[in-house]
Amino acid sequence: MRGGICSIQLQALTPEAATVVKQAVNLATRRGHAQVTPLHVASAMLATSTGLLRKACLQCHSHPLQCKALELCFNVALNRLPASTSSPLLAPQYSTPSLSNALVAAFKRAQAHQRRGSIENQQQHILALKIEVEQLIISILDDPSVSRVMREAGFSSTLVKSRVEQAVSMEVCSQKAPDRSQATESTKPQLIPGGGNVSPSRPFGQVGGQFMKPLDHFNNDDVTSVLSELVRKRRNTVIVGESVSNAEGVARGVMEMFEVGNVPGDLRYVQFVSLPLMCFRNISKEEVEHKLMEVRNLVKSYVGRGVILYLGDLKWLFEFWTNYCEQKTNYYCSVEHMVMELKKLVSGGESSRLWLMGITTFKTYMKSKICYPSLEAIWDLHPFTIPVGSLSLSLNLDR
């Protein structure tokens, strides 16, 4: 009967997570324990030299002996657990330890985390979710008995858990990022108003200098219309063209007008800043906060004047966000952090004096609208189609 209960529980795990739990069951059986607890699972995880939990612990304490001390502390904790028989060898041949209430609770926490972290999973019954090993580790670290042993060995379960989440975030973001050729193109020095070079290692760059190459041909009427739109509505704008080169030509034309001061109204006091979004990919939470703090300080320095953040071609971000919404997990993602913080910065309306501007193609923009929540909704983006007289584009974007 106990074996049946354990088998049912294992069906709720992915193969990798089930392997870990089976190792914990074997450990409890060898020790003659009647139940498998979070302590058994944590001990089994630590025994794997290449396991995620061990790697996270080594990041917190780099000396291997510290991890050895942690293993010994778990061994002592397991020795304190009561045995069901005087000797494991005397136990019935087919007796399998049952899962403790604490371990079942850890399973449920893991399922709940996955259910909250994925829009698709929210449509499923919680018992239908397969627990991934990463979520199992995080839930095990939340168990009081495991946290106590971690403290005894000089570890913080909260800090180790954050390391696990960060490692998984890096993997998730890299899987959903553009391919290498796209990344190479996107991380080249960017042309900002006045043509200043922006290194990807910097969070943003201000205007200054000359364009590195001649401006592409652009329609003066389109440039004038974009400037008029900025004056009248002061909203976050995406210049949408039939091709990237068309949209980029208009954006550069707008930038040139700002450089020479040939802009209407009080736009001549507004500062253009290039924000290469690629620099937010696959970095730690602390690095994201540091870069965003620089952006906030810049906006404050132009209080009463205003700042337009030029984001460049949004193709990779739109594609990343669409995939992320479909497969979203409960792990930390640096791109999501950036997106939501920029939302806070621009949601202040007129008082915030901060606006976003980017470029993309009509095809890419239409695809980006199908995900939920879309970047269009989060950032309150408004498409500006070029050529301005393109009625078909305007009508399609309003559907």
Protein backbone atom coordinates (compact mmCIF):
# COMPACT_ATOMS: atom_id res chain seq x y z
CA MET A 1 0.00 0.00 0.00
CA ARG A 2 2.81 2.35 0.84
CA GLY A 3 4.45 1.58 -2.48
CA GLY A 4 1.20 2.47 -4.26
CA ILE A 5 1.00 5.82 -2.52
CA CYS A 6 4.59 6.62 -3.47
CA SER A 7 3.97 5.55 -7.08
CA ILE A 8 0.98 7.88 -7.37
CA GLN A 9 3.01 10.80 -6.02
CA LEU A 10 5.89 10.10 -8.43
CA GLN A 11 3.51 10.44 -11.35
CA ALA A 12 3.25 14.15 -10.52
CA LEU A 13 7.00 14.62 -11.14
CA THR A 14 9.04 15.12 -14.28
CA PRO A 15 11.52 12.28 -14.93
CA GLU A 16 14.44 14.26 -13.49
CA ALA A 17 12.52 15.20 -10.34
CA ALA A 18 11.23 11.63 -9.98
CA THR A 19 14.81 10.32 -10.10
CA VAL A 20 15.75 12.58 -7.19
CA VAL A 21 12.76 11.44 -5.13
CA LYS A 22 13.51 7.77 -5.88
CA GLN A 23 17.04 8.32 -4.59
CA ALA A 24 15.52 9.82 -1.44
CA VAL A 25 13.21 6.81 -1.09
CA ASN A 26 16.19 4.46 -1.40
CA LEU A 27 18.05 6.49 1.22
CA ALA A 28 15.11 6.22 3.65
CA THR A 29 14.80 2.50 2.96
CA ARG A 30 18.48 1.85 3.65
CA ARG A 31 18.20 3.71 6.94
CA GLY A 32 15.01 1.89 7.92
CA HIS A 33 12.90 5.06 8.08
CA ALA A 34 9.15 4.72 7.81
CA GLN A 35 8.76 7.99 5.90
CA VAL A 36 10.58 9.96 3.23
CA THR A 37 11.04 13.54 4.38
CA PRO A 38 12.39 16.76 2.81
CA LEU A 39 15.64 15.98 4.65
CA HIS A 40 16.04 12.79 2.60
CA VAL A 41 15.36 14.68 -0.64
CA ALA A 42 17.79 17.48 0.20
CA SER A 43 20.47 14.95 1.14
CA ALA A 44 19.97 13.09 -2.15
CA MET A 45 20.23 16.34 -4.09
CA LEU A 46 23.49 17.29 -2.38
CA ALA A 47 24.98 13.86 -3.15
CA THR A 48 24.94 14.71 -6.87
CA SER A 49 28.15 16.62 -7.58
CA THR A 50 26.72 18.27 -10.70
CA GLY A 51 23.28 18.96 -9.22
CA LEU A 52 21.74 22.43 -9.17
CA LEU A 53 21.43 22.55 -5.38
CA ARG A 54 25.10 21.75 -4.84
CA LYS A 55 26.13 24.36 -7.42
CA ALA A 56 23.97 26.98 -5.69
CA CYS A 57 25.52 26.12 -2.32
CA LEU A 58 29.02 26.45 -3.78
CA GLN A 59 28.12 29.91 -5.08
CA CYS A 60 27.26 30.94 -1.54
CA HIS A 61 30.36 29.29 0.00
CA SER A 62 33.02 28.59 -2.60
CA HIS A 63 35.15 26.29 -0.43
CA PRO A 64 34.23 22.61 -1.05
CA LEU A 65 34.72 21.78 2.63
CA GLN A 66 31.74 23.99 3.44
CA CYS A 67 29.53 21.75 1.31
CA LYS A 68 31.06 18.71 3.00
CA ALA A 69 30.06 20.20 6.34
CA LEU A 70 26.53 20.67 5.00
CA GLU A 71 26.37 17.00 3.97
CA LEU A 72 27.51 15.96 7.47
CA CYS A 73 24.84 18.15 9.06
CA PHE A 74 22.15 16.48 6.95
CA ASN A 75 23.59 13.09 7.87
CA VAL A 76 23.32 13.95 11.57
CA ALA A 77 19.74 15.16 11.05
CA LEU A 78 18.83 11.88 9.34
CA ASN A 79 20.42 9.93 12.19
CA ARG A 80 18.02 11.64 14.57
CA LEU A 81 14.96 10.36 12.70
CA PRO A 82 13.33 7.30 14.28
CA ALA A 83 13.78 3.99 12.46
CA SER A 84 10.78 1.76 11.80
CA THR A 85 12.79 -1.39 12.65
CA SER A 86 15.86 -2.18 14.70
CA SER A 87 17.72 -2.94 11.46
CA PRO A 88 16.92 -2.09 7.84
CA LEU A 89 17.74 -5.69 6.93
CA LEU A 90 14.85 -6.93 9.08
CA ALA A 91 12.30 -4.79 7.24
CA PRO A 92 9.78 -6.57 4.98
CA GLN A 93 11.23 -7.25 1.54
CA TYR A 94 8.76 -5.10 -0.37
CA SER A 95 8.12 -2.42 2.23
CA THR A 96 8.54 1.08 0.82
CA PRO A 97 8.58 4.18 3.03
CA SER A 98 5.61 6.48 2.66
CA LEU A 99 5.92 10.18 1.92
CA SER A 100 5.76 12.42 4.96
CA ASN A 101 3.19 15.19 5.21
CA ALA A 102 6.01 17.73 4.98
CA LEU A 103 7.20 16.27 1.67
CA VAL A 104 3.67 16.14 0.25
CA ALA A 105 3.29 19.79 1.27
CA ALA A 106 6.53 20.57 -0.60
CA PHE A 107 5.08 18.91 -3.71
CA LYS A 108 1.96 21.04 -3.45
CA ARG A 109 4.01 24.23 -3.04
CA ALA A 110 5.98 23.36 -6.16
CA GLN A 111 2.80 22.73 -8.14
CA ALA A 112 1.31 26.01 -6.92
CA HIS A 113 4.45 27.94 -7.93
CA GLN A 114 4.35 26.47 -11.43
CA ARG A 115 0.64 27.14 -11.76
CA ARG A 116 1.09 30.81 -10.83
CA GLY A 117 4.15 31.19 -13.02
CA SER A 118 2.60 30.07 -16.31
CA ILE A 119 -0.47 31.48 -18.05
CA GLU A 120 -0.96 28.15 -19.80
CA ASN A 121 -0.68 26.21 -16.54
CA GLN A 122 -3.38 28.37 -14.99
CA GLN A 123 -5.85 26.60 -17.24
CA GLN A 124 -4.85 23.19 -15.84
CA HIS A 125 -5.89 21.45 -12.68
CA ILE A 126 -3.08 21.67 -10.14
CA LEU A 127 -2.82 17.87 -9.85
CA ALA A 128 -2.17 17.64 -13.60
CA LEU A 129 1.03 19.68 -13.38
CA LYS A 130 4.39 17.93 -13.54
CA ILE A 131 6.80 19.16 -10.89
CA GLU A 132 10.17 20.18 -12.33
CA VAL A 133 13.34 19.51 -10.36
CA GLU A 134 14.06 23.24 -10.06
CA GLN A 135 10.71 23.90 -8.39
CA LEU A 136 11.22 20.85 -6.19
CA ILE A 137 14.55 22.26 -4.96
CA ILE A 138 13.01 25.64 -4.17
CA SER A 139 10.11 24.04 -2.29
CA ILE A 140 12.43 21.74 -0.34
CA LEU A 141 14.51 24.76 0.71
CA ASP A 142 11.32 26.32 2.10
CA ASP A 143 10.85 23.39 4.48
CA PRO A 144 11.60 24.40 8.12
CA SER A 145 13.60 21.26 8.90
CA VAL A 146 15.82 21.78 5.85
CA SER A 147 16.29 25.49 6.64
CA ARG A 148 17.35 24.58 10.19
CA VAL A 149 20.03 22.16 8.98
CA MET A 150 21.25 24.73 6.46
CA ARG A 151 21.66 27.30 9.25
CA GLU A 152 23.59 24.80 11.37
CA ALA A 153 26.09 24.42 8.52
CA GLY A 154 26.39 28.18 8.01
CA PHE A 155 24.13 28.43 4.95
CA SER A 156 21.10 30.62 4.34
CA SER A 157 18.34 28.65 2.60
CA THR A 158 16.89 31.96 1.36
CA LEU A 159 20.17 32.93 -0.28
CA VAL A 160 20.66 29.46 -1.77
CA LYS A 161 17.12 29.57 -3.12
CA SER A 162 17.79 32.92 -4.80
CA ARG A 163 20.90 31.41 -6.42
CA VAL A 164 18.81 28.54 -7.78
CA GLU A 165 16.19 30.94 -9.17
CA GLN A 166 18.90 33.10 -10.74
CA ALA A 167 20.59 30.11 -12.41
CA VAL A 168 17.28 28.91 -13.84
CA SER A 169 16.44 32.45 -14.98
CA MET A 170 19.70 32.63 -16.94
CA GLU A 171 18.88 29.36 -18.68
CA VAL A 172 15.28 30.34 -19.46
CA CYS A 173 16.28 33.73 -20.84
CA SER A 174 19.08 32.30 -22.99
CA GLN A 175 16.73 29.68 -24.45
CA LYS A 176 14.26 32.38 -25.48
CA ALA A 177 16.86 34.88 -26.69
CA PRO A 178 17.57 35.49 -30.41
CA ASP A 179 20.15 33.36 -32.17
CA ARG A 180 23.82 34.35 -32.16
CA SER A 181 23.68 36.17 -35.48
CA GLN A 182 20.80 38.35 -34.30
CA ALA A 183 22.50 39.01 -30.98
CA THR A 184 25.74 40.02 -32.71
CA GLU A 185 23.89 42.50 -34.88
CA SER A 186 21.91 43.90 -31.96
CA THR A 187 24.93 44.35 -29.71
CA LYS A 188 26.93 46.38 -32.21
CA PRO A 189 27.49 50.05 -31.26
CA GLN A 190 24.16 51.79 -31.85
CA LEU A 191 23.56 55.08 -33.62
CA ILE A 192 21.82 57.56 -31.37
CA PRO A 193 20.67 61.10 -32.07
CA GLY A 194 23.73 62.98 -33.22
CA GLY A 195 25.30 59.60 -33.90
CA GLY A 196 27.02 58.92 -30.59
CA ASN A 197 28.33 55.40 -30.23
CA VAL A 198 26.69 53.35 -27.50
CA SER A 199 28.56 50.37 -26.16
CA PRO A 200 26.32 47.48 -25.00
CA SER A 201 28.19 47.53 -21.70
CA ARG A 202 26.71 50.95 -20.96
CA PRO A 203 23.04 51.31 -19.97
CA PHE A 204 22.44 54.32 -22.19
CA GLY A 205 24.12 57.02 -24.25
CA GLN A 206 23.34 60.67 -24.81
CA VAL A 207 23.51 62.67 -28.01
CA GLY A 208 26.73 64.08 -29.32
CA GLY A 209 29.12 63.94 -32.27
CA GLN A 210 28.24 63.06 -35.83
CA PHE A 211 26.55 60.05 -37.42
CA MET A 212 29.06 57.33 -38.26
CA LYS A 213 27.51 56.95 -41.69
CA PRO A 214 25.19 59.06 -43.86
CA LEU A 215 21.52 59.09 -42.95
CA ASP A 216 19.30 56.80 -44.96
CA HIS A 217 16.83 58.53 -47.21
CA PHE A 218 13.68 59.50 -45.37
CA ASN A 219 10.48 61.32 -46.15
CA ASN A 220 10.37 64.79 -44.59
CA ASP A 221 6.58 64.59 -44.36
CA ASP A 222 6.85 61.43 -42.25
CA VAL A 223 9.41 63.05 -39.96
CA THR A 224 7.25 66.15 -39.55
CA SER A 225 4.23 63.98 -38.76
CA VAL A 226 6.11 62.07 -36.04
CA LEU A 227 7.23 65.35 -34.44
CA SER A 228 3.68 66.71 -34.58
CA GLU A 229 2.44 63.51 -32.94
CA LEU A 230 4.98 63.92 -30.14
CA VAL A 231 3.99 67.54 -29.59
CA ARG A 232 0.26 66.87 -29.52
CA LYS A 233 0.01 63.58 -27.65
CA ARG A 234 3.28 62.99 -25.82
CA ARG A 235 2.91 59.23 -25.82
CA ASN A 236 5.07 56.15 -26.28
CA THR A 237 5.50 55.66 -30.01
CA VAL A 238 6.53 52.78 -32.26
CA ILE A 239 7.38 53.82 -35.81
CA VAL A 240 6.01 50.98 -37.93
CA GLY A 241 7.20 50.63 -41.51
CA GLU A 242 7.00 48.13 -44.32
CA SER A 243 10.70 47.47 -43.69
CA VAL A 244 13.14 48.18 -40.87
CA SER A 245 15.18 50.50 -43.10
CA ASN A 246 12.12 52.67 -43.78
CA ALA A 247 11.28 52.96 -40.09
CA GLU A 248 14.92 53.56 -39.16
CA GLY A 249 15.24 56.30 -41.77
CA VAL A 250 12.33 58.21 -40.24
CA ALA A 251 13.65 57.68 -36.70
CA ARG A 252 17.04 59.04 -37.72
CA GLY A 253 15.36 61.99 -39.38
CA VAL A 254 13.55 62.76 -36.13
CA MET A 255 16.82 62.47 -34.20
CA GLU A 256 18.57 64.85 -36.61
CA MET A 257 15.82 67.41 -36.08
CA PHE A 258 16.37 67.21 -32.33
CA GLU A 259 20.12 67.57 -32.78
CA VAL A 260 19.86 70.81 -34.74
CA GLY A 261 16.99 72.10 -32.58
CA ASN A 262 14.56 72.19 -35.47
CA VAL A 263 11.63 70.81 -33.46
CA PRO A 264 8.30 72.43 -32.60
CA GLY A 265 7.19 73.71 -29.21
CA ASP A 266 8.98 72.75 -26.03
CA LEU A 267 10.31 69.57 -27.66
CA ARG A 268 13.56 71.52 -28.11
CA TYR A 269 14.15 71.04 -24.37
CA VAL A 270 13.63 67.28 -24.50
CA GLN A 271 16.69 65.02 -24.26
CA PHE A 272 17.07 61.98 -26.53
CA VAL A 273 18.76 58.95 -24.94
CA SER A 274 19.55 55.57 -26.48
CA LEU A 275 18.76 52.59 -24.25
CA PRO A 276 20.15 49.33 -25.74
CA LEU A 277 17.72 46.79 -24.31
CA MET A 278 20.05 43.90 -25.18
CA CYS A 279 22.21 44.90 -22.20
CA PHE A 280 19.41 43.69 -19.89
CA ARG A 281 19.54 40.11 -21.18
CA ASN A 282 20.96 37.34 -18.99
CA ILE A 283 22.20 39.52 -16.13
CA SER A 284 21.59 39.39 -12.40
CA LYS A 285 18.85 41.25 -10.57
CA GLU A 286 21.47 43.51 -8.96
CA GLU A 287 22.85 44.49 -12.38
CA VAL A 288 19.36 45.26 -13.69
CA GLU A 289 18.69 47.49 -10.69
CA HIS A 290 22.00 49.28 -11.21
CA LYS A 291 21.25 50.05 -14.86
CA LEU A 292 17.70 51.14 -14.10
CA MET A 293 18.97 53.42 -11.34
CA GLU A 294 21.13 55.20 -13.92
CA VAL A 295 18.07 55.68 -16.11
CA ARG A 296 16.06 57.04 -13.17
CA ASN A 297 18.84 59.46 -12.25
CA LEU A 298 19.01 60.65 -15.86
CA VAL A 299 15.28 61.34 -15.93
CA LYS A 300 15.56 63.25 -12.65
CA SER A 301 18.39 65.35 -14.06
CA TYR A 302 16.09 66.56 -16.83
CA VAL A 303 13.15 67.34 -14.57
CA GLY A 304 10.81 69.82 -16.20
CA ARG A 305 12.28 69.12 -19.63
CA GLY A 306 11.65 65.47 -20.45
CA VAL A 307 13.49 62.45 -21.86
CA ILE A 308 12.73 60.22 -24.82
CA LEU A 309 14.28 56.75 -24.55
CA TYR A 310 15.06 55.49 -28.02
CA LEU A 311 14.90 51.68 -27.95
CA GLY A 312 15.82 51.03 -31.58
CA ASP A 313 14.54 47.97 -33.45
CA LEU A 314 12.12 46.12 -31.15
CA LYS A 315 12.03 42.90 -33.20
CA TRP A 316 14.04 40.71 -30.81
CA LEU A 317 12.21 42.06 -27.76
CA PHE A 318 8.77 41.48 -29.30
CA GLU A 319 9.75 37.92 -30.24
CA PHE A 320 11.28 37.25 -26.84
CA TRP A 321 8.22 38.56 -25.01
CA THR A 322 5.78 36.51 -27.12
CA ASN A 323 7.70 33.31 -26.29
CA TYR A 324 8.08 34.33 -22.65
CA CYS A 325 4.32 34.85 -22.23
CA GLU A 326 3.67 31.40 -23.69
CA GLN A 327 6.19 29.57 -21.50
CA LYS A 328 6.50 31.86 -18.50
CA THR A 329 7.81 30.25 -15.31
CA ASN A 330 8.06 31.45 -11.75
CA TYR A 331 11.79 32.12 -12.09
CA TYR A 332 13.44 35.52 -12.17
CA CYS A 333 14.00 36.94 -15.68
CA SER A 334 16.10 40.05 -16.20
CA VAL A 335 14.18 41.08 -19.34
CA GLU A 336 10.83 40.86 -17.55
CA HIS A 337 12.28 42.91 -14.68
CA MET A 338 13.37 45.59 -17.14
CA VAL A 339 10.01 45.62 -18.92
CA MET A 340 8.00 46.04 -15.72
CA GLU A 341 10.31 48.72 -14.29
CA LEU A 342 10.11 50.74 -17.51
CA LYS A 343 6.34 50.46 -17.22
CA LYS A 344 6.53 52.17 -13.82
CA LEU A 345 8.76 54.89 -15.21
CA VAL A 346 6.48 55.77 -18.13
CA SER A 347 3.12 55.26 -16.41
CA GLY A 348 3.32 58.61 -14.61
CA GLY A 349 1.89 60.35 -17.67
CA GLU A 350 2.76 64.01 -18.20
CA SER A 351 4.36 64.31 -14.77
CA SER A 352 6.86 61.56 -15.54
CA ARG A 353 8.25 63.45 -18.58
CA LEU A 354 9.53 60.16 -19.95
CA TRP A 355 8.51 58.56 -23.24
CA LEU A 356 9.60 55.53 -25.24
CA MET A 357 10.28 55.38 -28.96
CA GLY A 358 11.14 52.34 -31.03
CA ILE A 359 10.90 51.01 -34.58
CA THR A 360 9.68 47.78 -36.10
CA THR A 361 8.00 46.31 -39.17
CA PHE A 362 4.27 45.96 -39.62
CA LYS A 363 4.54 42.15 -39.65
CA THR A 364 6.48 42.01 -36.38
CA TYR A 365 4.18 44.48 -34.65
CA MET A 366 1.07 42.54 -35.58
CA LYS A 367 2.58 39.30 -34.24
CA SER A 368 3.46 41.02 -30.96
CA LYS A 369 -0.18 41.91 -30.33
CA ILE A 370 -1.33 38.30 -29.99
CA CYS A 371 0.44 37.54 -26.69
CA TYR A 372 -0.99 38.42 -23.30
CA PRO A 373 -0.09 40.71 -21.75
CA SER A 374 1.47 42.32 -24.83
CA LEU A 375 4.19 44.94 -24.67
CA GLU A 376 1.76 47.25 -26.45
CA ALA A 377 -0.52 47.07 -23.42
CA ILE A 378 2.21 47.09 -20.76
CA TRP A 379 4.03 50.13 -22.12
CA ASP A 380 0.95 51.78 -23.65
CA LEU A 381 2.63 51.80 -27.06
CA HIS A 382 1.02 53.62 -29.98
CA PRO A 383 1.94 52.62 -33.55
CA PHE A 384 2.77 55.34 -36.04
CA THR A 385 2.63 53.83 -39.51
CA ILE A 386 4.75 55.04 -42.42
CA PRO A 387 4.20 56.11 -45.02
CA VAL A 388 1.65 58.22 -43.18
CA GLY A 389 -0.84 57.90 -46.01
CA SER A 390 -0.85 54.09 -45.86
CA LEU A 391 -4.53 53.51 -45.11
CA SER A 392 -4.27 49.71 -45.15
CA LEU A 393 -1.61 49.67 -42.44
CA SER A 394 -3.55 52.08 -40.26
CA LEU A 395 -6.76 50.11 -40.55
CA ASN A 396 -5.08 46.77 -39.85
CA LEU A 397 -3.32 48.07 -36.75
CA ASP A 398 -6.64 49.24 -35.33
CA ARG A 399 -8.27 45.80 -35.61
